[in-house]
N, C-alpha and C. Protein backbone atom coordinates (compact mmCIF):
# COMPACT_ATOMS: atom_id res chain seq x y z
N MET A 1 -36.66 -209.56 9.19
CA MET A 1 -37.82 -208.78 9.57
C MET A 1 -38.32 -207.96 8.38
N SER A 2 -37.44 -207.51 7.52
CA SER A 2 -37.87 -206.72 6.38
C SER A 2 -38.68 -207.57 5.39
N ASP A 3 -38.37 -208.88 5.31
CA ASP A 3 -39.15 -209.76 4.43
C ASP A 3 -40.59 -209.85 4.89
N HIS A 4 -40.79 -209.89 6.18
CA HIS A 4 -42.14 -210.00 6.72
C HIS A 4 -42.95 -208.74 6.41
N SER A 5 -42.36 -207.58 6.54
CA SER A 5 -43.09 -206.35 6.24
C SER A 5 -43.34 -206.21 4.74
N PHE A 6 -42.40 -206.68 3.93
CA PHE A 6 -42.61 -206.67 2.48
C PHE A 6 -43.78 -207.58 2.11
N TYR A 7 -43.83 -208.75 2.73
CA TYR A 7 -44.95 -209.67 2.51
C TYR A 7 -46.27 -209.03 2.94
N ASP A 8 -46.27 -208.38 4.10
CA ASP A 8 -47.49 -207.72 4.57
C ASP A 8 -47.93 -206.62 3.61
N ALA A 9 -46.98 -205.88 3.06
CA ALA A 9 -47.32 -204.82 2.11
C ALA A 9 -47.92 -205.40 0.84
N LEU A 10 -47.33 -206.47 0.32
CA LEU A 10 -47.88 -207.11 -0.88
C LEU A 10 -49.25 -207.70 -0.62
N ARG A 11 -49.42 -208.28 0.55
CA ARG A 11 -50.71 -208.86 0.90
C ARG A 11 -51.78 -207.78 1.00
N HIS A 12 -51.45 -206.66 1.60
CA HIS A 12 -52.39 -205.55 1.72
C HIS A 12 -52.74 -205.01 0.33
N LEU A 13 -51.75 -204.89 -0.54
CA LEU A 13 -51.99 -204.42 -1.91
C LEU A 13 -52.91 -205.37 -2.65
N ALA A 14 -52.68 -206.66 -2.52
CA ALA A 14 -53.51 -207.65 -3.20
C ALA A 14 -54.93 -207.65 -2.64
N ASP A 15 -55.06 -207.46 -1.34
CA ASP A 15 -56.39 -207.46 -0.73
C ASP A 15 -57.20 -206.24 -1.11
N SER A 16 -56.56 -205.11 -1.29
CA SER A 16 -57.31 -203.89 -1.56
C SER A 16 -57.37 -203.58 -3.06
N TRP A 17 -56.25 -203.32 -3.68
CA TRP A 17 -56.23 -202.88 -5.07
C TRP A 17 -56.30 -204.05 -6.05
N GLY A 18 -55.85 -205.22 -5.64
CA GLY A 18 -55.86 -206.38 -6.54
C GLY A 18 -57.27 -206.73 -6.98
N LEU A 19 -58.20 -206.70 -6.06
CA LEU A 19 -59.59 -207.01 -6.39
C LEU A 19 -60.17 -205.98 -7.35
N LEU A 20 -59.87 -204.72 -7.12
CA LEU A 20 -60.36 -203.67 -8.01
C LEU A 20 -59.77 -203.80 -9.41
N ILE A 21 -58.49 -204.11 -9.49
CA ILE A 21 -57.85 -204.29 -10.80
C ILE A 21 -58.44 -205.48 -11.53
N MET A 22 -58.65 -206.59 -10.82
CA MET A 22 -59.24 -207.77 -11.47
C MET A 22 -60.67 -207.49 -11.93
N MET A 23 -61.44 -206.73 -11.15
CA MET A 23 -62.80 -206.38 -11.57
C MET A 23 -62.77 -205.48 -12.81
N PHE A 24 -61.84 -204.54 -12.86
CA PHE A 24 -61.71 -203.66 -14.02
C PHE A 24 -61.33 -204.45 -15.27
N VAL A 25 -60.35 -205.35 -15.15
CA VAL A 25 -59.93 -206.16 -16.30
C VAL A 25 -61.07 -207.05 -16.76
N PHE A 26 -61.80 -207.66 -15.84
CA PHE A 26 -62.94 -208.49 -16.21
C PHE A 26 -64.00 -207.67 -16.94
N SER A 27 -64.29 -206.48 -16.44
CA SER A 27 -65.31 -205.63 -17.07
C SER A 27 -64.91 -205.24 -18.49
N VAL A 28 -63.64 -204.88 -18.67
CA VAL A 28 -63.17 -204.50 -20.01
C VAL A 28 -63.25 -205.70 -20.96
N LEU A 29 -62.80 -206.86 -20.51
CA LEU A 29 -62.83 -208.04 -21.39
C LEU A 29 -64.24 -208.50 -21.68
N ALA A 30 -65.15 -208.37 -20.73
CA ALA A 30 -66.54 -208.77 -20.96
C ALA A 30 -67.25 -207.81 -21.90
N ALA A 31 -66.89 -206.52 -21.87
CA ALA A 31 -67.54 -205.53 -22.72
C ALA A 31 -66.89 -205.42 -24.09
N TRP A 32 -65.70 -205.95 -24.28
CA TRP A 32 -64.95 -205.79 -25.53
C TRP A 32 -65.73 -206.23 -26.76
N PRO A 33 -66.42 -207.37 -26.78
CA PRO A 33 -67.15 -207.77 -27.99
C PRO A 33 -68.33 -206.87 -28.32
N PHE A 34 -68.79 -206.07 -27.38
CA PHE A 34 -69.97 -205.23 -27.59
C PHE A 34 -69.61 -203.80 -27.97
N ARG A 35 -68.34 -203.53 -28.22
CA ARG A 35 -67.94 -202.18 -28.59
C ARG A 35 -68.45 -201.84 -29.99
N PRO A 36 -68.63 -200.56 -30.27
CA PRO A 36 -69.10 -200.15 -31.59
C PRO A 36 -68.11 -200.56 -32.69
N GLY A 37 -68.63 -201.08 -33.79
CA GLY A 37 -67.78 -201.46 -34.91
C GLY A 37 -67.24 -202.87 -34.83
N ALA A 38 -67.61 -203.64 -33.83
CA ALA A 38 -67.06 -204.99 -33.68
C ALA A 38 -67.97 -206.06 -34.28
N ARG A 39 -69.13 -205.67 -34.77
CA ARG A 39 -70.11 -206.65 -35.24
C ARG A 39 -69.55 -207.51 -36.38
N GLU A 40 -68.90 -206.89 -37.35
CA GLU A 40 -68.40 -207.64 -38.51
C GLU A 40 -67.34 -208.66 -38.10
N ARG A 41 -66.41 -208.25 -37.25
CA ARG A 41 -65.37 -209.18 -36.79
C ARG A 41 -65.97 -210.30 -35.95
N ASN A 42 -66.97 -210.00 -35.14
CA ASN A 42 -67.61 -211.03 -34.33
C ASN A 42 -68.34 -212.03 -35.20
N GLU A 43 -69.03 -211.54 -36.24
CA GLU A 43 -69.74 -212.45 -37.15
C GLU A 43 -68.76 -213.31 -37.93
N ASP A 44 -67.64 -212.74 -38.37
CA ASP A 44 -66.61 -213.53 -39.06
C ASP A 44 -66.06 -214.62 -38.16
N ALA A 45 -65.81 -214.29 -36.91
CA ALA A 45 -65.27 -215.28 -35.98
C ALA A 45 -66.31 -216.37 -35.68
N ALA A 46 -67.57 -215.99 -35.61
CA ALA A 46 -68.62 -216.96 -35.29
C ALA A 46 -68.87 -217.93 -36.43
N THR A 47 -68.69 -217.49 -37.67
CA THR A 47 -68.98 -218.35 -38.83
C THR A 47 -67.73 -218.92 -39.46
N MET A 48 -66.59 -218.70 -38.87
CA MET A 48 -65.32 -219.16 -39.45
C MET A 48 -65.27 -220.68 -39.62
N ILE A 49 -65.86 -221.44 -38.72
CA ILE A 49 -65.77 -222.89 -38.80
C ILE A 49 -66.61 -223.46 -39.94
N PHE A 50 -67.52 -222.66 -40.50
CA PHE A 50 -68.36 -223.14 -41.57
C PHE A 50 -67.79 -222.86 -42.96
N LYS A 51 -66.70 -222.12 -43.04
CA LYS A 51 -66.10 -221.79 -44.32
C LYS A 51 -65.20 -222.92 -44.79
N ASP A 52 -65.20 -223.15 -46.10
CA ASP A 52 -64.30 -224.14 -46.68
C ASP A 52 -62.89 -223.56 -46.75
N GLU A 53 -61.92 -224.45 -46.95
CA GLU A 53 -60.55 -223.99 -47.06
C GLU A 53 -60.35 -223.13 -48.31
N ASN A 54 -61.14 -223.36 -49.35
CA ASN A 54 -60.98 -222.63 -50.61
C ASN A 54 -61.73 -221.31 -50.63
N ASP A 55 -62.59 -221.07 -49.65
CA ASP A 55 -63.31 -219.80 -49.61
C ASP A 55 -62.36 -218.69 -49.19
N GLY A 56 -62.64 -217.48 -49.66
CA GLY A 56 -61.79 -216.33 -49.35
C GLY A 56 -62.21 -215.69 -48.10
């Protein structure tokens, strides 16, 4: 019987707070490239495939 209540508690946690946590993580990851000071690193990553092996 204790397993069933533990399952119900985990299910309730996932239904309520799990969605909020996933939305928060998604928002942070989606906004990460737009943070101040990230322009240079983003441009380096975007043009990395065009650099030769001998370029610095």
